[in-house]
C-alpha atoms as a PDB file:
ATOM      1  CA  UNK A   1     -59.440   4.746  30.739  1.00  0.00           C
ATOM      2  CA  UNK A   2     -60.199   1.918  28.364  1.00  0.00           C
ATOM      3  CA  UNK A   3     -57.703   0.647  25.764  1.00  0.00           C
ATOM      4  CA  UNK A   4     -59.950   1.993  22.984  1.00  0.00           C
ATOM      5  CA  UNK A   5     -59.926   5.507  24.474  1.00  0.00           C
ATOM      6  CA  UNK A   6     -56.115   5.381  24.860  1.00  0.00           C
ATOM      7  CA  UNK A   7     -55.609   4.428  21.216  1.00  0.00           C
ATOM      8  CA  UNK A   8     -57.916   7.240  20.106  1.00  0.00           C
ATOM      9  CA  UNK A   9     -55.881   9.787  22.124  1.00  0.00           C
ATOM     10  CA  UNK A  10     -52.538   8.563  20.652  1.00  0.00           C
ATOM     11  CA  UNK A  11     -53.898   8.768  17.078  1.00  0.00           C
ATOM     12  CA  UNK A  12     -55.085  12.333  17.627  1.00  0.00           C
ATOM     13  CA  UNK A  13     -51.670  13.339  18.991  1.00  0.00           C
ATOM     14  CA  UNK A  14     -49.835  11.928  15.939  1.00  0.00           C
ATOM     15  CA  UNK A  15     -52.223  13.757  13.605  1.00  0.00           C
ATOM     16  CA  UNK A  16     -51.488  17.062  15.338  1.00  0.00           C
ATOM     17  CA  UNK A  17     -47.696  16.631  15.453  1.00  0.00           C
ATOM     18  CA  UNK A  18     -47.141  15.267  11.913  1.00  0.00           C
ATOM     19  CA  UNK A  19     -47.207  18.611  10.011  1.00  0.00           C
ATOM     20  CA  UNK A  20     -44.279  19.982  12.065  1.00  0.00           C
ATOM     21  CA  UNK A  21     -41.970  17.273  10.677  1.00  0.00           C
ATOM     22  CA  UNK A  22     -42.577  18.202   7.033  1.00  0.00           C
ATOM     23  CA  UNK A  23     -39.496  19.591   5.115  1.00  0.00           C
ATOM     24  CA  UNK A  24     -39.111  23.246   6.152  1.00  0.00           C
ATOM     25  CA  UNK A  25     -38.796  24.714   2.661  1.00  0.00           C
ATOM     26  CA  UNK A  26     -41.047  25.104  -0.334  1.00  0.00           C
ATOM     27  CA  UNK A  27     -40.289  25.851  -3.971  1.00  0.00           C
ATOM     28  CA  UNK A  28     -42.091  28.424  -6.069  1.00  0.00           C
ATOM     29  CA  UNK A  29     -41.799  27.855  -9.829  1.00  0.00           C
ATOM     30  CA  UNK A  30     -40.803  30.988 -11.739  1.00  0.00           C
ATOM     31  CA  UNK A  31     -42.644  31.848 -14.936  1.00  0.00           C
ATOM     32  CA  UNK A  32     -39.509  32.216 -17.030  1.00  0.00           C
ATOM     33  CA  UNK A  33     -39.659  33.184 -20.692  1.00  0.00           C
ATOM     34  CA  UNK A  34     -36.294  31.536 -21.172  1.00  0.00           C
ATOM     35  CA  UNK A  35     -33.972  29.345 -19.098  1.00  0.00           C
ATOM     36  CA  UNK A  36     -30.926  27.758 -20.688  1.00  0.00           C
ATOM     37  CA  UNK A  37     -27.521  26.528 -19.550  1.00  0.00           C
ATOM     38  CA  UNK A  38     -24.522  28.033 -21.349  1.00  0.00           C
ATOM     39  CA  UNK A  39     -20.717  27.746 -20.979  1.00  0.00           C
ATOM     40  CA  UNK A  40     -19.224  30.285 -18.603  1.00  0.00           C
ATOM     41  CA  UNK A  41     -16.521  30.983 -21.209  1.00  0.00           C
ATOM     42  CA  UNK A  42     -16.358  30.443 -24.967  1.00  0.00           C
ATOM     43  CA  UNK A  43     -13.201  31.124 -26.964  1.00  0.00           C
ATOM     44  CA  UNK A  44     -12.401  30.791 -30.648  1.00  0.00           C
ATOM     45  CA  UNK A  45      -8.666  30.235 -31.027  1.00  0.00           C
ATOM     46  CA  UNK A  46      -6.874  31.382 -34.173  1.00  0.00           C
ATOM     47  CA  UNK A  47      -3.214  31.446 -35.135  1.00  0.00           C
ATOM     48  CA  UNK A  48      -1.570  34.767 -34.203  1.00  0.00           C
ATOM     49  CA  UNK A  49       0.352  34.679 -37.498  1.00  0.00           C
ATOM     50  CA  UNK A  50      -0.337  32.987 -40.850  1.00  0.00           C
ATOM     51  CA  UNK A  51       1.359  29.654 -41.427  1.00  0.00           C
ATOM     52  CA  UNK A  52       1.101  25.915 -41.966  1.00  0.00           C
ATOM     53  CA  UNK A  53      -0.069  23.702 -39.106  1.00  0.00           C
ATOM     54  CA  UNK A  54       2.757  21.468 -37.945  1.00  0.00           C
ATOM     55  CA  UNK A  55       0.826  19.663 -35.216  1.00  0.00           C
ATOM     56  CA  UNK A  56      -2.589  19.916 -33.528  1.00  0.00           C
ATOM     57  CA  UNK A  57      -2.428  18.437 -30.030  1.00  0.00           C
ATOM     58  CA  UNK A  58      -6.168  18.199 -29.246  1.00  0.00           C
ATOM     59  CA  UNK A  59      -9.295  16.607 -30.669  1.00  0.00           C
ATOM     60  CA  UNK A  60     -12.957  17.541 -30.388  1.00  0.00           C
ATOM     61  CA  UNK A  61     -14.257  16.568 -26.951  1.00  0.00           C
ATOM     62  CA  UNK A  62     -10.861  16.670 -25.222  1.00  0.00           C
ATOM     63  CA  UNK A  63     -10.611  18.160 -21.741  1.00  0.00           C
ATOM     64  CA  UNK A  64      -7.953  20.864 -21.495  1.00  0.00           C
ATOM     65  CA  UNK A  65      -6.302  22.967 -18.824  1.00  0.00           C
ATOM     66  CA  UNK A  66      -5.269  26.599 -19.121  1.00  0.00           C
ATOM     67  CA  UNK A  67      -1.747  26.696 -20.539  1.00  0.00           C
ATOM     68  CA  UNK A  68      -1.930  23.356 -22.392  1.00  0.00           C
ATOM     69  CA  UNK A  69      -0.385  23.372 -25.874  1.00  0.00           C
ATOM     70  CA  UNK A  70      -3.138  23.444 -28.507  1.00  0.00           C
ATOM     71  CA  UNK A  71      -1.254  23.537 -31.806  1.00  0.00           C
ATOM     72  CA  UNK A  72       2.015  24.525 -33.438  1.00  0.00           C
ATOM     73  CA  UNK A  73       2.858  26.100 -36.782  1.00  0.00           C
ATOM     74  CA  UNK A  74       5.872  25.109 -38.861  1.00  0.00           C
ATOM     75  CA  UNK A  75       8.753  27.168 -37.504  1.00  0.00           C
ATOM     76  CA  UNK A  76      11.987  26.104 -39.265  1.00  0.00           C
ATOM     77  CA  UNK A  77      12.662  29.635 -40.568  1.00  0.00           C
ATOM     78  CA  UNK A  78      11.983  31.231 -37.183  1.00  0.00           C
ATOM     79  CA  UNK A  79      14.269  28.753 -35.399  1.00  0.00           C
ATOM     80  CA  UNK A  80      17.113  29.584 -37.766  1.00  0.00           C
ATOM     81  CA  UNK A  81      16.409  33.266 -37.181  1.00  0.00           C
ATOM     82  CA  UNK A  82      16.850  32.759 -33.441  1.00  0.00           C
ATOM     83  CA  UNK A  83      20.143  30.917 -33.995  1.00  0.00           C
ATOM     84  CA  UNK A  84      21.496  33.701 -36.230  1.00  0.00           C
ATOM     85  CA  UNK A  85      20.411  36.418 -33.782  1.00  0.00           C
ATOM     86  CA  UNK A  86      22.037  34.463 -30.929  1.00  0.00           C
ATOM     87  CA  UNK A  87      25.353  34.333 -32.804  1.00  0.00           C
ATOM     88  CA  UNK A  88      25.244  38.072 -33.468  1.00  0.00           C
ATOM     89  CA  UNK A  89      24.392  38.846 -29.850  1.00  0.00           C
ATOM     90  CA  UNK A  90      27.202  36.640 -28.530  1.00  0.00           C
ATOM     91  CA  UNK A  91      29.667  38.313 -30.919  1.00  0.00           C
ATOM     92  CA  UNK A  92      28.571  41.776 -29.777  1.00  0.00           C
ATOM     93  CA  UNK A  93      28.976  40.719 -26.143  1.00  0.00           C
ATOM     94  CA  UNK A  94      32.524  39.454 -26.798  1.00  0.00           C
ATOM     95  CA  UNK A  95      33.493  42.720 -28.503  1.00  0.00           C
ATOM     96  CA  UNK A  96      32.145  44.737 -25.572  1.00  0.00           C
ATOM     97  CA  UNK A  97      34.074  42.591 -23.066  1.00  0.00           C
ATOM     98  CA  UNK A  98      37.344  42.836 -25.056  1.00  0.00           C
ATOM     99  CA  UNK A  99      37.071  46.615 -25.168  1.00  0.00           C
ATOM    100  CA  UNK A 100      36.020  47.089 -21.542  1.00  0.00           C
ATOM    101  CA  UNK A 101      39.631  47.782 -20.474  1.00  0.00           C
ATOM    102  CA  UNK A 102      40.020  50.271 -23.283  1.00  0.00           C
ATOM    103  CA  UNK A 103      37.010  52.194 -21.972  1.00  0.00           C
ATOM    104  CA  UNK A 104      38.699  52.637 -18.604  1.00  0.00           C
ATOM    105  CA  UNK A 105      41.951  53.851 -20.164  1.00  0.00           C
ATOM    106  CA  UNK A 106      40.140  56.218 -22.504  1.00  0.00           C
ATOM    107  CA  UNK A 107      41.897  54.634 -25.476  1.00  0.00           C
ATOM    108  CA  UNK A 108      38.650  54.411 -27.433  1.00  0.00           C
ATOM    109  CA  UNK A 109      36.965  57.571 -28.577  1.00  0.00           C
ATOM    110  CA  UNK A 110      33.503  58.424 -27.358  1.00  0.00           C
ATOM    111  CA  UNK A 111      32.200  57.708 -30.870  1.00  0.00           C
ATOM    112  CA  UNK A 112      33.815  54.227 -30.952  1.00  0.00           C
ATOM    113  CA  UNK A 113      32.529  53.405 -27.492  1.00  0.00           C
ATOM    114  CA  UNK A 114      29.013  54.537 -28.399  1.00  0.00           C
ATOM    115  CA  UNK A 115      29.107  52.469 -31.595  1.00  0.00           C
ATOM    116  CA  UNK A 116      30.131  49.274 -29.760  1.00  0.00           C
ATOM    117  CA  UNK A 117      27.495  49.735 -27.057  1.00  0.00           C
ATOM    118  CA  UNK A 118      24.804  50.473 -29.638  1.00  0.00           C
ATOM    119  CA  UNK A 119      25.707  47.359 -31.654  1.00  0.00           C
ATOM    120  CA  UNK A 120      25.362  45.301 -28.481  1.00  0.00           C
ATOM    121  CA  UNK A 121      21.933  46.773 -27.706  1.00  0.00           C
ATOM    122  CA  UNK A 122      20.751  46.187 -31.281  1.00  0.00           C
ATOM    123  CA  UNK A 123      21.987  42.568 -31.252  1.00  0.00           C
ATOM    124  CA  UNK A 124      20.197  41.826 -27.962  1.00  0.00           C
ATOM    125  CA  UNK A 125      17.007  43.480 -29.214  1.00  0.00           C
ATOM    126  CA  UNK A 126      17.075  41.461 -32.433  1.00  0.00           C
ATOM    127  CA  UNK A 127      17.497  38.253 -30.427  1.00  0.00           C
ATOM    128  CA  UNK A 128      14.458  39.085 -28.259  1.00  0.00           C
ATOM    129  CA  UNK A 129      12.443  39.881 -31.393  1.00  0.00           C
ATOM    130  CA  UNK A 130      13.349  36.586 -33.062  1.00  0.00           C
ATOM    131  CA  UNK A 131      12.466  34.646 -29.908  1.00  0.00           C
ATOM    132  CA  UNK A 132       9.065  36.371 -29.779  1.00  0.00           C
ATOM    133  CA  UNK A 133       8.446  35.549 -33.442  1.00  0.00           C
ATOM    134  CA  UNK A 134       9.249  31.904 -32.718  1.00  0.00           C
ATOM    135  CA  UNK A 135       6.980  31.887 -29.660  1.00  0.00           C
ATOM    136  CA  UNK A 136       4.047  32.974 -31.849  1.00  0.00           C
ATOM    137  CA  UNK A 137       4.280  29.634 -33.681  1.00  0.00           C
ATOM    138  CA  UNK A 138       3.036  27.746 -30.595  1.00  0.00           C
ATOM    139  CA  UNK A 139      -0.464  28.452 -29.226  1.00  0.00           C
ATOM    140  CA  UNK A 140      -1.579  27.597 -25.692  1.00  0.00           C
ATOM    141  CA  UNK A 141      -5.057  27.312 -24.215  1.00  0.00           C
ATOM    142  CA  UNK A 142      -6.308  30.556 -22.628  1.00  0.00           C
ATOM    143  CA  UNK A 143      -8.928  28.690 -20.545  1.00  0.00           C
ATOM    144  CA  UNK A 144      -9.670  25.392 -18.836  1.00  0.00           C
ATOM    145  CA  UNK A 145     -12.546  23.461 -20.365  1.00  0.00           C
ATOM    146  CA  UNK A 146     -13.275  21.280 -23.383  1.00  0.00           C
ATOM    147  CA  UNK A 147     -12.624  21.394 -27.112  1.00  0.00           C
ATOM    148  CA  UNK A 148     -15.985  22.006 -28.777  1.00  0.00           C
ATOM    149  CA  UNK A 149     -14.823  22.060 -32.413  1.00  0.00           C
ATOM    150  CA  UNK A 150     -11.649  21.538 -34.414  1.00  0.00           C
ATOM    151  CA  UNK A 151     -11.645  23.016 -37.904  1.00  0.00           C
ATOM    152  CA  UNK A 152      -8.162  22.262 -39.294  1.00  0.00           C
ATOM    153  CA  UNK A 153      -5.666  19.430 -39.533  1.00  0.00           C
ATOM    154  CA  UNK A 154      -1.896  19.109 -39.766  1.00  0.00           C
ATOM    155  CA  UNK A 155      -0.490  20.476 -43.027  1.00  0.00           C
ATOM    156  CA  UNK A 156      -3.257  22.997 -43.673  1.00  0.00           C
ATOM    157  CA  UNK A 157      -2.509  26.680 -44.177  1.00  0.00           C
ATOM    158  CA  UNK A 158      -4.205  28.861 -41.582  1.00  0.00           C
ATOM    159  CA  UNK A 159      -4.678  32.590 -41.343  1.00  0.00           C
ATOM    160  CA  UNK A 160      -7.231  34.550 -39.287  1.00  0.00           C
ATOM    161  CA  UNK A 161     -10.035  31.962 -39.238  1.00  0.00           C
ATOM    162  CA  UNK A 162     -10.613  29.991 -35.989  1.00  0.00           C
ATOM    163  CA  UNK A 163      -8.813  26.684 -35.666  1.00  0.00           C
ATOM    164  CA  UNK A 164     -10.458  25.565 -32.408  1.00  0.00           C
ATOM    165  CA  UNK A 165     -13.583  26.346 -30.394  1.00  0.00           C
ATOM    166  CA  UNK A 166     -13.126  26.030 -26.633  1.00  0.00           C
ATOM    167  CA  UNK A 167     -15.659  26.253 -23.802  1.00  0.00           C
ATOM    168  CA  UNK A 168     -15.576  26.217 -20.008  1.00  0.00           C
ATOM    169  CA  UNK A 169     -18.313  23.996 -18.531  1.00  0.00           C
ATOM    170  CA  UNK A 170     -17.392  24.282 -14.858  1.00  0.00           C
ATOM    171  CA  UNK A 171     -18.966  26.477 -13.769  1.00  0.00           C
ATOM    172  CA  UNK A 172     -21.967  26.804 -16.068  1.00  0.00           C
ATOM    173  CA  UNK A 173     -23.971  29.986 -16.513  1.00  0.00           C
ATOM    174  CA  UNK A 174     -27.753  30.048 -16.631  1.00  0.00           C
ATOM    175  CA  UNK A 175     -29.528  32.821 -18.490  1.00  0.00           C
ATOM    176  CA  UNK A 176     -33.058  33.622 -17.317  1.00  0.00           C
ATOM    177  CA  UNK A 177     -35.521  35.922 -19.032  1.00  0.00           C
ATOM    178  CA  UNK A 178     -38.111  37.000 -16.489  1.00  0.00           C
ATOM    179  CA  UNK A 179     -41.306  39.085 -16.614  1.00  0.00           C
ATOM    180  CA  UNK A 180     -41.038  42.533 -15.035  1.00  0.00           C
ATOM    181  CA  UNK A 181     -43.345  41.403 -12.200  1.00  0.00           C
ATOM    182  CA  UNK A 182     -40.403  39.513 -10.680  1.00  0.00           C
ATOM    183  CA  UNK A 183     -38.177  42.586 -10.578  1.00  0.00           C
ATOM    184  CA  UNK A 184     -37.027  43.137  -6.989  1.00  0.00           C
ATOM    185  CA  UNK A 185     -37.704  39.522  -5.965  1.00  0.00           C
ATOM    186  CA  UNK A 186     -34.440  38.297  -7.508  1.00  0.00           C
ATOM    187  CA  UNK A 187     -31.238  39.783  -6.059  1.00  0.00           C
ATOM    188  CA  UNK A 188     -27.524  39.210  -6.545  1.00  0.00           C
ATOM    189  CA  UNK A 189     -26.232  36.393  -4.334  1.00  0.00           C
ATOM    190  CA  UNK A 190     -29.637  34.694  -4.062  1.00  0.00           C
ATOM    191  CA  UNK A 191     -29.852  30.934  -4.723  1.00  0.00           C
ATOM    192  CA  UNK A 192     -32.446  29.350  -6.983  1.00  0.00           C
ATOM    193  CA  UNK A 193     -33.356  25.730  -7.577  1.00  0.00           C
ATOM    194  CA  UNK A 194     -32.622  24.695 -11.175  1.00  0.00           C
ATOM    195  CA  UNK A 195     -34.343  21.656 -12.677  1.00  0.00           C
ATOM    196  CA  UNK A 196     -33.008  20.437 -15.983  1.00  0.00           C
ATOM    197  CA  UNK A 197     -35.027  19.026 -18.852  1.00  0.00           C
ATOM    198  CA  UNK A 198     -33.070  15.782 -18.633  1.00  0.00           C
ATOM    199  CA  UNK A 199     -34.475  13.141 -16.303  1.00  0.00           C
ATOM    200  CA  UNK A 200     -31.053  11.562 -15.834  1.00  0.00           C
ATOM    201  CA  UNK A 201     -29.646  14.680 -14.129  1.00  0.00           C
ATOM    202  CA  UNK A 202     -30.795  15.773 -10.685  1.00  0.00           C
ATOM    203  CA  UNK A 203     -31.829  19.318  -9.858  1.00  0.00           C
ATOM    204  CA  UNK A 204     -29.284  21.628  -8.253  1.00  0.00           C
ATOM    205  CA  UNK A 205     -28.884  25.129  -6.904  1.00  0.00           C
ATOM    206  CA  UNK A 206     -27.373  28.103  -8.709  1.00  0.00           C
ATOM    207  CA  UNK A 207     -26.354  31.525  -7.426  1.00  0.00           C
ATOM    208  CA  UNK A 208     -27.494  34.778  -9.006  1.00  0.00           C
ATOM    209  CA  UNK A 209     -24.462  36.739 -10.237  1.00  0.00           C
ATOM    210  CA  UNK A 210     -26.072  39.390 -12.470  1.00  0.00           C
ATOM    211  CA  UNK A 211     -29.461  41.113 -12.347  1.00  0.00           C
ATOM    212  CA  UNK A 212     -30.003  43.587 -15.159  1.00  0.00           C
ATOM    213  CA  UNK A 213     -30.942  46.963 -13.667  1.00  0.00           C
ATOM    214  CA  UNK A 214     -33.196  47.836 -16.609  1.00  0.00           C
ATOM    215  CA  UNK A 215     -36.457  46.372 -17.864  1.00  0.00           C
ATOM    216  CA  UNK A 216     -36.924  46.054 -21.606  1.00  0.00           C
ATOM    217  CA  UNK A 217     -39.910  48.287 -22.366  1.00  0.00           C
ATOM    218  CA  UNK A 218     -40.865  46.428 -25.543  1.00  0.00           C
ATOM    219  CA  UNK A 219     -41.108  42.953 -24.001  1.00  0.00           C
ATOM    220  CA  UNK A 220     -41.616  43.862 -20.344  1.00  0.00           C
ATOM    221  CA  UNK A 221     -38.795  41.552 -19.300  1.00  0.00           C
ATOM    222  CA  UNK A 222     -35.389  41.675 -17.631  1.00  0.00           C
ATOM    223  CA  UNK A 223     -32.445  39.284 -17.658  1.00  0.00           C
ATOM    224  CA  UNK A 224     -30.806  37.393 -14.814  1.00  0.00           C
ATOM    225  CA  UNK A 225     -27.640  35.307 -14.942  1.00  0.00           C
ATOM    226  CA  UNK A 226     -26.801  32.553 -12.473  1.00  0.00           C
ATOM    227  CA  UNK A 227     -23.730  30.410 -11.895  1.00  0.00           C
ATOM    228  CA  UNK A 228     -23.912  26.662 -11.231  1.00  0.00           C
ATOM    229  CA  UNK A 229     -20.959  24.451 -10.331  1.00  0.00           C
ATOM    230  CA  UNK A 230     -20.461  21.459 -12.635  1.00  0.00           C
ATOM    231  CA  UNK A 231     -17.705  19.170 -11.312  1.00  0.00           C
ATOM    232  CA  UNK A 232     -16.463  16.760 -13.949  1.00  0.00           C
ATOM    233  CA  UNK A 233     -18.512  18.517 -16.651  1.00  0.00           C
ATOM    234  CA  UNK A 234     -21.371  16.091 -15.944  1.00  0.00           C
ATOM    235  CA  UNK A 235     -24.048  18.590 -16.994  1.00  0.00           C
ATOM    236  CA  UNK A 236     -23.991  19.500 -20.704  1.00  0.00           C
ATOM    237  CA  UNK A 237     -24.447  23.077 -21.841  1.00  0.00           C
ATOM    238  CA  UNK A 238     -27.259  23.984 -24.203  1.00  0.00           C
ATOM    239  CA  UNK A 239     -30.123  22.262 -22.376  1.00  0.00           C
ATOM    240  CA  UNK A 240     -33.242  24.063 -21.169  1.00  0.00           C
ATOM    241  CA  UNK A 241     -34.318  24.269 -17.567  1.00  0.00           C
ATOM    242  CA  UNK A 242     -36.832  25.631 -15.096  1.00  0.00           C
ATOM    243  CA  UNK A 243     -36.034  27.871 -12.130  1.00  0.00           C
ATOM    244  CA  UNK A 244     -37.679  27.933  -8.730  1.00  0.00           C
ATOM    245  CA  UNK A 245     -37.515  30.260  -5.768  1.00  0.00           C
ATOM    246  CA  UNK A 246     -36.495  28.578  -2.549  1.00  0.00           C
ATOM    247  CA  UNK A 247     -38.552  30.051   0.272  1.00  0.00           C
ATOM    248  CA  UNK A 248     -37.577  29.220   3.854  1.00  0.00           C
ATOM    249  CA  UNK A 249     -40.587  28.722   6.106  1.00  0.00           C
END
């Protein structure tokens, strides 16, 4: 066999084998009527009771953890109420202790004993109530996430209106609006490829968590919600996207 014939045979072999090394997955673009990234949780935080803001601990854009202190209302009156209730409770406890021996010797009447015990219960209940009233003056974050908006500053009177807007960005949710022709092709637990309309951010996968069981008869569409992890909140909410099926070959 000549060198020319050998080279021809090698070239033909490479041409035949090359397609088997191509990436074993293909992506099918979905014809979505809507694809947008949204926070997985959004919370508007108000004061549980009316009052004057004593201190706001967060600013717009701050990262927060569940349980972090968000703001406090002025609480001088409530603190004094707790002190007064504590004094009354301690006094009622001392009276009960001093008369404990008299209970055993039946020196006190049933009416006197009942009155002392009732006063003790009332004093303890009032102390718990005053402590709960004081606790309402400090508000903690119900979620982990970021501060989206801050509407009030220290010294302002607040009532039922929101003081802070909070949002959880890890994970993110993705809302898809799909034509009815896709119904049955998308199932809970399935993963889709999500490409964002920001060149600086790479595409990623998201898992289907909700598939609406009904199709809207007027528009001929149904909704799907996906969940995408977002470590470090690197992907902003509110941007549009495209979704693709990932088909294994």
